[in-house]
Structure formats: C-alpha cells, structure tokens
C-alpha cells in the first residue's frame, strides 16, 4: 500500500524566518535611504543674473491725480470730517488698520489708523499683491509701509503749524486716503542675508499701484517731497 504524503506546513517557517527577514530588510532600507536635503530658505541663486523690477512709466505723469480730483471722491465716499480724535473714535463706518503680513502701519503722529471699509480692502489687496510678487519670485519679502492715514481737523491744524505746505483741504479727513512710503519698506525676515534696494522696491510698488489705478479703484499722487504715494479710494 502506497504511503500518502502529507503536505508541508510552511506557516511556522513563514513566521519564524520570512516575516522577520522582511521587517529587517525594511528597517535597513529606511536607515540607508537618502533623504532629500531641506530646501534653502534663502536661495542665493535666484539673486544671480536676475532682472530687477522696473516700472515702465513715469511716476509724476502716471500718478498725477491732483487734490481737487481726490477731494471730490473723498467727499462723495467718505465720512464727515471729525473735529477731534475723540469724535472720530465714535464715528460709525470706519475700520481700524493694523499691521499684518501685507503691510506695516508705522507709528502715526498726525493721523489715526481708521478708514472706510473700501479703503481697507484696497490696501489689503495692494499689500497682498506686492508681497505676492516677491514670494512667487523667491525673493526676500518686504511689506509696504503706511505713513499717514485719517486726520481730524485738529490734526490738520497742528500739522499746518509745523508744515506750511500741508493742505487745509486734506483728503485725509474723510477716511478714504492713505500715504504709502516709496522710500521705506519693512523687511519681513531680518535674518535673510539677501536684500533688495529701496529704489527697486519703489519700482515694484509703482507696478502694483498702476494696476489698481488702471482699474479705476483709486486716485494716486506721487509725492516727491513727502516721499509717498498719496492714495484715495474711488
């Protein structure tokens, strides 16, 4: 009588030898796997041979919306001028501006950081566009700096005593107007060894502002003496 062969039970061998071998192989592969180096937060290669930002227009010709034009828009869209800051604080229809990722409010002496919502929205878009261009090009980030916002009648009188060129009919009284410096820009990361010149950043700011000016979102005056772009929302 022929003896029946029993099938070999591989299960003990599988758990005793094969599974541990697979686990050990996986661990060894993990140890020897070459992990990619972290991305350089300050890539110097993007600075080499790059073409600097350049505004292809004229600051004085392209941004020459005079006070009477801006004043008409400010009166139509803005608040009734406040006599004092206490009165301004109780006015409805204003929002407070605070420094954020897209712009910086410098320490204000003759104005307060309150504007109508339309101006706040425009300013957010301008700052976001400016920072966005730098970020997309992997360049050091800078924020535009706001140097003047809304003034009370009391602020205007004090300013005129120290500056005879300050306008008595300032559009800054209506919550519709801000000044953005073209000479000061706030570097976001002081540890970034790369720098962009103030001149180039002014060119970039003008490029961004021109877009919103062409869209008829605002009036703009290039102020040489005050080193700012004087902007009124439309």
Foldseek 3Di string as FASTA:
>chain_A
DDDDDDDDDCVVVCVPPVVVVVVVVVVVCVVPPDDDDDDDLQDPVLVPPDDFQAAPDDQAVLAPDDPVNLLVVLVVPFDDFAADVVRVVPDPQKDFDDDDPQAHEDDEDLAGRIAGVLQVVVSSVLSCVLQVVCVVSSHFGKHWYWHHAAHHLVSQVVVCVVPVPRDNSDSSRGRFKTWTALQDIGGPDPVRPDDDHSVSSSSSSVVSVSVCVVVVQWRWHCDDVVRTIIIGGD
